Amino acid sequence: NLFFSSLENKLNEKHEKAIMEYESIIASSTYANEEKEVAYNMLNSYLKLIENEQLLVNKIVESGYYDAYVEYQDDIIKVVVQTETLTNEQAAQLISLVMDNSINGLLPEIQYVN
C-alpha cells in the first residue's frame, strides 16, 4: 500500500537521522565522556522504541488488520490501521493491544484508512 509505504519511509528517515546524531556524539572527540554516555543511553532507548514500533505493527496486523503504522511521538503513540471500518469496540481493542505492549505508557491515537 503506497500510503503506508510513504509513512514508513518518512519514519525510517526520521529514525536514521536521530541515530546518526547520537552516533556522531558518541564518536566525536569534542564531547566529554558524560555527554557520550548520555548519548549512548539515549540511542539505546531510541532503538528500543523503534523495535517496539515494529512489534506493535506486527501484533496489529496479526490481529486481523490489512496494514498498520505505529509511531512514538512526543505525547502519543500514533496508530494508523487499514480496514474497511473501525467500530468503537475495535478501537477499544486496538487501544488495549497498544497499551499492553507499549514501553512508555503513552496513550495511542487511533486512525484508520480503507
C-alpha atoms as a PDB file:
ATOM      1  CA  ASN A   1       0.000   0.000   0.000  1.00  0.00           C
ATOM      2  CA  LEU A   2       1.506   3.303  -1.137  1.00  0.00           C
ATOM      3  CA  PHE A   3       0.041   5.283   1.777  1.00  0.00           C
ATOM      4  CA  PHE A   4       1.644   3.045   4.403  1.00  0.00           C
ATOM      5  CA  SER A   5       4.911   2.817   2.448  1.00  0.00           C
ATOM      6  CA  SER A   6       5.118   6.603   2.401  1.00  0.00           C
ATOM      7  CA  LEU A   7       4.509   6.829   6.163  1.00  0.00           C
ATOM      8  CA  GLU A   8       7.108   4.139   6.828  1.00  0.00           C
ATOM      9  CA  ASN A   9       9.699   5.803   4.573  1.00  0.00           C
ATOM     10  CA  LYS A  10       9.304   9.128   6.386  1.00  0.00           C
ATOM     11  CA  LEU A  11       9.553   7.373   9.750  1.00  0.00           C
ATOM     12  CA  ASN A  12      12.683   5.479   8.665  1.00  0.00           C
ATOM     13  CA  GLU A  13      14.294   8.765   7.571  1.00  0.00           C
ATOM     14  CA  LYS A  14      13.442  10.296  10.968  1.00  0.00           C
ATOM     15  CA  HIS A  15      14.937   7.287  12.757  1.00  0.00           C
ATOM     16  CA  GLU A  16      18.100   7.282  10.635  1.00  0.00           C
ATOM     17  CA  LYS A  17      18.668  10.985  11.305  1.00  0.00           C
ATOM     18  CA  ALA A  18      18.252  10.564  15.070  1.00  0.00           C
ATOM     19  CA  ILE A  19      20.539   7.515  15.165  1.00  0.00           C
ATOM     20  CA  MET A  20      23.211   9.356  13.178  1.00  0.00           C
ATOM     21  CA  GLU A  21      23.040  12.311  15.582  1.00  0.00           C
ATOM     22  CA  TYR A  22      23.520  10.068  18.621  1.00  0.00           C
ATOM     23  CA  GLU A  23      26.320   8.121  16.934  1.00  0.00           C
ATOM     24  CA  SER A  24      28.127  11.313  15.914  1.00  0.00           C
ATOM     25  CA  ILE A  25      28.152  12.488  19.548  1.00  0.00           C
ATOM     26  CA  ILE A  26      29.424   9.104  20.727  1.00  0.00           C
ATOM     27  CA  ALA A  27      32.192   9.041  18.100  1.00  0.00           C
ATOM     28  CA  SER A  28      33.218  12.692  18.462  1.00  0.00           C
ATOM     29  CA  SER A  29      36.331  13.779  20.330  1.00  0.00           C
ATOM     30  CA  THR A  30      34.768  17.149  21.195  1.00  0.00           C
ATOM     31  CA  TYR A  31      32.251  15.774  23.691  1.00  0.00           C
ATOM     32  CA  ALA A  32      33.006  14.818  27.290  1.00  0.00           C
ATOM     33  CA  ASN A  33      32.603  11.206  28.387  1.00  0.00           C
ATOM     34  CA  GLU A  34      29.483  12.127  30.376  1.00  0.00           C
ATOM     35  CA  GLU A  35      27.852  13.579  27.249  1.00  0.00           C
ATOM     36  CA  LYS A  36      28.832  10.498  25.272  1.00  0.00           C
ATOM     37  CA  GLU A  37      27.309   8.268  27.939  1.00  0.00           C
ATOM     38  CA  VAL A  38      24.066  10.252  27.830  1.00  0.00           C
ATOM     39  CA  ALA A  39      24.008   9.954  24.024  1.00  0.00           C
ATOM     40  CA  TYR A  40      24.711   6.215  24.269  1.00  0.00           C
ATOM     41  CA  ASN A  41      21.835   5.721  26.715  1.00  0.00           C
ATOM     42  CA  MET A  42      19.503   7.857  24.582  1.00  0.00           C
ATOM     43  CA  LEU A  43      20.497   5.850  21.497  1.00  0.00           C
ATOM     44  CA  ASN A  44      19.703   2.586  23.267  1.00  0.00           C
ATOM     45  CA  SER A  45      16.329   3.927  24.422  1.00  0.00           C
ATOM     46  CA  TYR A  46      15.587   5.149  20.903  1.00  0.00           C
ATOM     47  CA  LEU A  47      16.465   1.763  19.398  1.00  0.00           C
ATOM     48  CA  LYS A  48      14.073   0.117  21.864  1.00  0.00           C
ATOM     49  CA  LEU A  49      11.297   2.466  20.729  1.00  0.00           C
ATOM     50  CA  ILE A  50      11.966   1.545  17.092  1.00  0.00           C
ATOM     51  CA  GLU A  51      11.883  -2.144  17.967  1.00  0.00           C
ATOM     52  CA  ASN A  52       8.640  -1.665  19.877  1.00  0.00           C
ATOM     53  CA  GLU A  53       7.039   0.217  16.976  1.00  0.00           C
ATOM     54  CA  GLN A  54       7.681  -2.799  14.742  1.00  0.00           C
ATOM     55  CA  LEU A  55       6.443  -5.221  17.398  1.00  0.00           C
ATOM     56  CA  LEU A  56       3.200  -3.236  17.673  1.00  0.00           C
ATOM     57  CA  VAL A  57       2.775  -3.178  13.887  1.00  0.00           C
ATOM     58  CA  ASN A  58       3.220  -6.956  13.780  1.00  0.00           C
ATOM     59  CA  LYS A  59       0.747  -7.541  16.611  1.00  0.00           C
ATOM     60  CA  ILE A  60      -1.844  -5.255  14.998  1.00  0.00           C
ATOM     61  CA  VAL A  61      -1.526  -6.994  11.621  1.00  0.00           C
ATOM     62  CA  GLU A  62      -1.673 -10.404  13.332  1.00  0.00           C
ATOM     63  CA  SER A  63      -4.927  -9.310  14.975  1.00  0.00           C
ATOM     64  CA  GLY A  64      -6.555  -9.019  11.543  1.00  0.00           C
ATOM     65  CA  TYR A  65      -5.834  -5.606  10.007  1.00  0.00           C
ATOM     66  CA  TYR A  66      -4.605  -5.324   6.407  1.00  0.00           C
ATOM     67  CA  ASP A  67      -1.749  -2.990   7.304  1.00  0.00           C
ATOM     68  CA  ALA A  68      -0.656  -0.848  10.230  1.00  0.00           C
ATOM     69  CA  TYR A  69       1.643   2.031  11.080  1.00  0.00           C
ATOM     70  CA  VAL A  70       2.913   2.888  14.565  1.00  0.00           C
ATOM     71  CA  GLU A  71       4.999   5.895  15.560  1.00  0.00           C
ATOM     72  CA  TYR A  72       6.026   7.041  19.005  1.00  0.00           C
ATOM     73  CA  GLN A  73       5.585  10.806  19.111  1.00  0.00           C
ATOM     74  CA  ASP A  74       6.211  13.273  21.934  1.00  0.00           C
ATOM     75  CA  ASP A  75       2.960  12.739  23.816  1.00  0.00           C
ATOM     76  CA  ILE A  76       1.095   9.969  21.948  1.00  0.00           C
ATOM     77  CA  ILE A  77       1.582   6.741  20.066  1.00  0.00           C
ATOM     78  CA  LYS A  78       0.202   7.323  16.574  1.00  0.00           C
ATOM     79  CA  VAL A  79      -1.539   4.224  15.226  1.00  0.00           C
ATOM     80  CA  VAL A  80      -2.981   4.019  11.722  1.00  0.00           C
ATOM     81  CA  VAL A  81      -4.672   0.839  10.518  1.00  0.00           C
ATOM     82  CA  GLN A  82      -6.045  -0.171   7.149  1.00  0.00           C
ATOM     83  CA  THR A  83      -9.545  -1.534   7.448  1.00  0.00           C
ATOM     84  CA  GLU A  84     -12.968  -1.088   5.839  1.00  0.00           C
ATOM     85  CA  THR A  85     -14.485   0.346   9.029  1.00  0.00           C
ATOM     86  CA  LEU A  86     -13.417   0.777  12.625  1.00  0.00           C
ATOM     87  CA  THR A  87     -16.066   0.293  15.274  1.00  0.00           C
ATOM     88  CA  ASN A  88     -15.792   1.660  18.796  1.00  0.00           C
ATOM     89  CA  GLU A  89     -15.217  -1.894  20.011  1.00  0.00           C
ATOM     90  CA  GLN A  90     -12.370  -2.429  17.523  1.00  0.00           C
ATOM     91  CA  ALA A  91     -10.825   0.909  18.503  1.00  0.00           C
ATOM     92  CA  ALA A  92     -11.002  -0.092  22.179  1.00  0.00           C
ATOM     93  CA  GLN A  93      -9.328  -3.423  21.358  1.00  0.00           C
ATOM     94  CA  LEU A  94      -6.572  -1.598  19.461  1.00  0.00           C
ATOM     95  CA  ILE A  95      -6.039   0.781  22.372  1.00  0.00           C
ATOM     96  CA  SER A  96      -5.760  -2.177  24.751  1.00  0.00           C
ATOM     97  CA  LEU A  97      -3.355  -4.029  22.447  1.00  0.00           C
ATOM     98  CA  VAL A  98      -1.112  -0.975  22.142  1.00  0.00           C
ATOM     99  CA  MET A  99      -1.254  -0.121  25.845  1.00  0.00           C
ATOM    100  CA  ASP A 100      -0.483  -3.720  26.827  1.00  0.00           C
ATOM    101  CA  ASN A 101       2.564  -3.850  24.543  1.00  0.00           C
ATOM    102  CA  SER A 102       3.951  -0.302  24.563  1.00  0.00           C
ATOM    103  CA  ILE A 103       7.023   0.594  26.579  1.00  0.00           C
ATOM    104  CA  ASN A 104       6.329   4.125  27.710  1.00  0.00           C
ATOM    105  CA  GLY A 105       2.686   4.334  28.796  1.00  0.00           C
ATOM    106  CA  LEU A 106       1.642   6.945  26.246  1.00  0.00           C
ATOM    107  CA  LEU A 107      -1.934   6.826  25.047  1.00  0.00           C
ATOM    108  CA  PRO A 108      -2.460   5.733  21.453  1.00  0.00           C
ATOM    109  CA  GLU A 109      -4.171   7.930  18.892  1.00  0.00           C
ATOM    110  CA  ILE A 110      -6.079   5.598  16.564  1.00  0.00           C
ATOM    111  CA  GLN A 111      -6.815   6.433  12.921  1.00  0.00           C
ATOM    112  CA  TYR A 112      -7.948   4.255  10.063  1.00  0.00           C
ATOM    113  CA  VAL A 113      -7.887   4.338   6.278  1.00  0.00           C
ATOM    114  CA  ASN A 114      -9.620   1.967   3.902  1.00  0.00           C
END
